Amino acid sequence: MDQKEGLTFQSGLTFFGLTPTYRANIFSQIHEIVFHGKGGYDHDTVYAMPIWLRNYTFQKMNEYYEKEQEAMNKSKSKAPTKAAPRGPSVRKPSYSTKARP
């Protein structure tokens, strides 16, 4: 009898590892920090960060970009809308007469 045949795993996994959802969330968080960090972080550094530090960095970065978005929306709402520039007025030619041959 093979040893694996007699083993029953309640979780359905045969090893201790990360679930696909949790793994996707980690990689998404790492990507967001690297991408929105504007060159301040590389993938290996963020991947090796302790979980608490990575979560803290992600939270602070998220707060910064939310405040930036609010300020941008606020400035857009205060700015007066400018009328579209108009070109010179041009009269339509009248085509009531035929051209001479």
Protein backbone atom coordinates (compact mmCIF):
# COMPACT_ATOMS: atom_id res chain seq x y z
CA MET A 1 0.00 0.00 0.00
CA ASP A 2 1.27 3.43 -0.97
CA GLN A 3 1.51 5.97 1.87
CA LYS A 4 -0.49 8.61 0.00
CA GLU A 5 -3.49 6.33 -0.39
CA GLY A 6 -4.13 6.20 3.35
CA LEU A 7 -3.79 9.96 3.93
CA THR A 8 -6.85 12.18 4.04
CA PHE A 9 -6.49 15.94 3.87
CA GLN A 10 -9.41 17.96 5.16
CA SER A 11 -8.38 21.11 3.32
CA GLY A 12 -8.19 19.37 -0.04
CA LEU A 13 -4.58 20.47 -0.45
CA THR A 14 -1.76 17.98 -0.15
CA PHE A 15 0.73 20.59 1.05
CA PHE A 16 0.84 23.74 3.12
CA GLY A 17 0.89 26.67 0.77
CA LEU A 18 -0.92 29.78 -0.29
CA THR A 19 -4.38 29.59 -1.75
CA PRO A 20 -4.65 30.86 -5.34
CA THR A 21 -6.74 33.85 -4.21
CA TYR A 22 -4.28 34.89 -1.50
CA ARG A 23 -1.36 34.43 -3.88
CA ALA A 24 -3.06 36.61 -6.51
CA ASN A 25 -3.70 39.31 -3.87
CA ILE A 26 -0.05 39.29 -2.81
CA PHE A 27 1.22 39.64 -6.37
CA SER A 28 -1.33 42.36 -7.07
CA GLN A 29 -0.20 44.29 -3.99
CA ILE A 30 3.47 43.88 -4.96
CA HIS A 31 2.71 45.12 -8.47
CA GLU A 32 0.84 48.17 -7.17
CA ILE A 33 3.70 49.15 -4.85
CA VAL A 34 6.35 48.71 -7.55
CA PHE A 35 4.32 50.43 -10.30
CA HIS A 36 2.98 53.37 -8.28
CA GLY A 37 6.19 53.73 -6.27
CA LYS A 38 7.62 55.60 -9.27
CA GLY A 39 10.92 53.75 -9.24
CA GLY A 40 11.36 53.77 -5.47
CA TYR A 41 10.86 50.03 -5.11
CA ASP A 42 11.85 46.99 -7.10
CA HIS A 43 10.04 43.66 -7.16
CA ASP A 44 12.61 41.74 -5.12
CA THR A 45 12.68 44.34 -2.34
CA VAL A 46 8.89 44.43 -2.01
CA TYR A 47 8.62 40.63 -2.24
CA ALA A 48 11.13 40.24 0.60
CA MET A 49 9.42 42.86 2.82
CA PRO A 50 7.80 41.64 6.02
CA ILE A 51 4.03 41.42 5.59
CA TRP A 52 3.31 44.20 8.09
CA LEU A 53 5.72 46.57 6.30
CA ARG A 54 4.34 45.75 2.85
CA ASN A 55 0.77 46.34 4.10
CA TYR A 56 1.82 49.63 5.74
CA THR A 57 3.58 50.80 2.57
CA PHE A 58 0.57 49.86 0.45
CA GLN A 59 -1.82 51.68 2.82
CA LYS A 60 0.26 54.87 2.88
CA MET A 61 0.66 54.84 -0.89
CA ASN A 62 -3.08 54.34 -1.29
CA GLU A 63 -3.82 57.27 1.06
CA TYR A 64 -1.41 59.51 -0.86
CA TYR A 65 -2.99 58.79 -4.22
CA GLU A 66 -6.52 59.21 -2.84
CA LYS A 67 -5.61 62.67 -1.46
CA GLU A 68 -4.00 63.57 -4.77
CA GLN A 69 -7.17 62.50 -6.62
CA GLU A 70 -9.36 64.55 -4.25
CA ALA A 71 -7.18 67.63 -4.77
CA MET A 72 -7.33 67.18 -8.53
CA ASN A 73 -11.12 66.82 -8.48
CA LYS A 74 -11.43 69.86 -6.21
CA SER A 75 -9.28 72.01 -8.50
CA LYS A 76 -11.25 70.89 -11.56
CA SER A 77 -14.55 71.83 -9.95
CA LYS A 78 -13.27 75.30 -8.96
CA ALA A 79 -11.74 76.16 -12.33
CA PRO A 80 -14.09 78.15 -14.55
CA THR A 81 -14.96 76.50 -17.80
CA LYS A 82 -13.58 78.36 -20.77
CA ALA A 83 -15.57 78.79 -23.95
CA ALA A 84 -14.14 77.05 -26.96
CA PRO A 85 -12.11 79.42 -29.11
CA ARG A 86 -13.92 80.59 -32.20
CA GLY A 87 -12.32 81.11 -35.56
CA PRO A 88 -12.98 84.02 -37.91
CA SER A 89 -16.45 84.24 -39.32
CA VAL A 90 -16.53 83.03 -42.91
CA ARG A 91 -19.39 83.70 -45.27
CA LYS A 92 -20.68 80.89 -47.41
CA PRO A 93 -20.19 81.52 -51.10
CA SER A 94 -23.33 81.80 -53.13
CA TYR A 95 -23.51 79.30 -55.95
CA SER A 96 -26.46 80.88 -57.71
CA THR A 97 -24.40 81.85 -60.75
CA LYS A 98 -22.67 79.38 -63.04
CA ALA A 99 -19.02 79.57 -63.73
CA ARG A 100 -18.04 80.71 -67.21
CA PRO A 101 -16.44 78.14 -69.50
